């Protein structure tokens, strides 16, 4: 029984981390959409799939897009 509970706890922690990683990827994905529209709508850009954000959690906007550094990553101040 104890072994079962230990396995269940580990499984739950792993799942929670996966959920948190997915949420972070979604936040960055949506922020890139917003920043593209706001700072460089004239640049043709095909946004990568959400799975790319899960693998590499960073902005995937083109380098030519002049997004201020403080707005490239999601944080509690960028919720507009």
C-alpha atoms as a PDB file:
ATOM      1  CA  UNK A   1       0.000   0.000   0.000  1.00  0.00           C
ATOM      2  CA  UNK A   2       2.797   2.423   0.910  1.00  0.00           C
ATOM      3  CA  UNK A   3       4.546   1.662  -2.391  1.00  0.00           C
ATOM      4  CA  UNK A   4       1.322   2.431  -4.254  1.00  0.00           C
ATOM      5  CA  UNK A   5       0.967   5.783  -2.481  1.00  0.00           C
ATOM      6  CA  UNK A   6       4.578   6.709  -3.196  1.00  0.00           C
ATOM      7  CA  UNK A   7       4.124   5.883  -6.878  1.00  0.00           C
ATOM      8  CA  UNK A   8       0.889   7.848  -7.019  1.00  0.00           C
ATOM      9  CA  UNK A   9       2.548  10.896  -5.438  1.00  0.00           C
ATOM     10  CA  UNK A  10       5.406  10.773  -7.930  1.00  0.00           C
ATOM     11  CA  UNK A  11       2.978  10.357 -10.826  1.00  0.00           C
ATOM     12  CA  UNK A  12       0.957  13.343  -9.658  1.00  0.00           C
ATOM     13  CA  UNK A  13       4.058  15.534  -9.303  1.00  0.00           C
ATOM     14  CA  UNK A  14       5.194  14.593 -12.815  1.00  0.00           C
ATOM     15  CA  UNK A  15       1.762  15.370 -14.232  1.00  0.00           C
ATOM     16  CA  UNK A  16       1.644  18.688 -12.403  1.00  0.00           C
ATOM     17  CA  UNK A  17       5.019  19.656 -13.860  1.00  0.00           C
ATOM     18  CA  UNK A  18       3.784  18.754 -17.347  1.00  0.00           C
ATOM     19  CA  UNK A  19       0.700  20.915 -16.827  1.00  0.00           C
ATOM     20  CA  UNK A  20       2.835  23.830 -15.618  1.00  0.00           C
ATOM     21  CA  UNK A  21       5.172  23.454 -18.610  1.00  0.00           C
ATOM     22  CA  UNK A  22       2.175  23.428 -20.970  1.00  0.00           C
ATOM     23  CA  UNK A  23       0.735  26.552 -19.355  1.00  0.00           C
ATOM     24  CA  UNK A  24       4.077  28.350 -19.710  1.00  0.00           C
ATOM     25  CA  UNK A  25       4.309  27.334 -23.365  1.00  0.00           C
ATOM     26  CA  UNK A  26       0.764  28.567 -23.999  1.00  0.00           C
ATOM     27  CA  UNK A  27       1.530  31.901 -22.316  1.00  0.00           C
ATOM     28  CA  UNK A  28       4.590  32.399 -24.534  1.00  0.00           C
ATOM     29  CA  UNK A  29       2.645  31.302 -27.627  1.00  0.00           C
ATOM     30  CA  UNK A  30      -0.106  33.862 -26.950  1.00  0.00           C
ATOM     31  CA  UNK A  31       2.395  36.584 -26.069  1.00  0.00           C
ATOM     32  CA  UNK A  32       4.172  36.066 -29.388  1.00  0.00           C
ATOM     33  CA  UNK A  33       0.842  36.470 -31.195  1.00  0.00           C
ATOM     34  CA  UNK A  34       0.146  39.698 -29.322  1.00  0.00           C
ATOM     35  CA  UNK A  35       3.654  41.080 -29.818  1.00  0.00           C
ATOM     36  CA  UNK A  36       3.662  40.256 -33.520  1.00  0.00           C
ATOM     37  CA  UNK A  37       0.423  42.148 -33.983  1.00  0.00           C
ATOM     38  CA  UNK A  38       1.625  45.070 -31.854  1.00  0.00           C
ATOM     39  CA  UNK A  39       5.258  45.476 -32.962  1.00  0.00           C
ATOM     40  CA  UNK A  40       5.698  43.959 -36.405  1.00  0.00           C
ATOM     41  CA  UNK A  41       2.446  43.164 -38.231  1.00  0.00           C
ATOM     42  CA  UNK A  42       4.175  44.084 -41.497  1.00  0.00           C
ATOM     43  CA  UNK A  43       6.543  41.104 -41.157  1.00  0.00           C
ATOM     44  CA  UNK A  44       5.151  37.901 -42.604  1.00  0.00           C
ATOM     45  CA  UNK A  45       5.540  35.249 -39.925  1.00  0.00           C
ATOM     46  CA  UNK A  46       4.116  31.791 -39.584  1.00  0.00           C
ATOM     47  CA  UNK A  47       3.886  31.013 -35.898  1.00  0.00           C
ATOM     48  CA  UNK A  48       5.356  27.665 -34.888  1.00  0.00           C
ATOM     49  CA  UNK A  49       3.143  24.983 -33.422  1.00  0.00           C
ATOM     50  CA  UNK A  50       2.551  25.010 -29.663  1.00  0.00           C
ATOM     51  CA  UNK A  51       4.668  21.852 -29.420  1.00  0.00           C
ATOM     52  CA  UNK A  52       7.704  23.908 -30.510  1.00  0.00           C
ATOM     53  CA  UNK A  53       7.109  26.246 -27.577  1.00  0.00           C
ATOM     54  CA  UNK A  54       6.902  23.268 -25.224  1.00  0.00           C
ATOM     55  CA  UNK A  55      10.288  22.052 -26.488  1.00  0.00           C
ATOM     56  CA  UNK A  56      11.966  25.472 -26.489  1.00  0.00           C
ATOM     57  CA  UNK A  57      10.258  27.907 -24.129  1.00  0.00           C
ATOM     58  CA  UNK A  58      11.208  31.265 -25.613  1.00  0.00           C
ATOM     59  CA  UNK A  59       9.891  33.790 -28.064  1.00  0.00           C
ATOM     60  CA  UNK A  60       9.800  32.466 -31.609  1.00  0.00           C
ATOM     61  CA  UNK A  61       9.275  35.837 -33.260  1.00  0.00           C
ATOM     62  CA  UNK A  62      11.637  36.818 -36.072  1.00  0.00           C
ATOM     63  CA  UNK A  63      14.735  38.724 -34.942  1.00  0.00           C
ATOM     64  CA  UNK A  64      13.588  41.653 -37.096  1.00  0.00           C
ATOM     65  CA  UNK A  65      10.573  42.169 -34.852  1.00  0.00           C
ATOM     66  CA  UNK A  66      11.483  45.028 -32.473  1.00  0.00           C
ATOM     67  CA  UNK A  67       9.877  43.772 -29.266  1.00  0.00           C
ATOM     68  CA  UNK A  68      11.269  45.440 -26.129  1.00  0.00           C
ATOM     69  CA  UNK A  69      13.230  42.947 -24.022  1.00  0.00           C
ATOM     70  CA  UNK A  70      10.897  43.292 -21.034  1.00  0.00           C
ATOM     71  CA  UNK A  71       7.931  42.202 -23.186  1.00  0.00           C
ATOM     72  CA  UNK A  72       9.493  39.092 -24.737  1.00  0.00           C
ATOM     73  CA  UNK A  73       8.557  36.766 -21.890  1.00  0.00           C
ATOM     74  CA  UNK A  74       5.285  36.450 -19.982  1.00  0.00           C
ATOM     75  CA  UNK A  75       5.145  37.834 -16.478  1.00  0.00           C
ATOM     76  CA  UNK A  76       2.556  39.288 -14.125  1.00  0.00           C
ATOM     77  CA  UNK A  77       3.131  42.798 -15.546  1.00  0.00           C
ATOM     78  CA  UNK A  78       2.333  41.786 -19.146  1.00  0.00           C
ATOM     79  CA  UNK A  79      -1.230  40.631 -18.700  1.00  0.00           C
ATOM     80  CA  UNK A  80      -2.833  43.316 -20.941  1.00  0.00           C
END
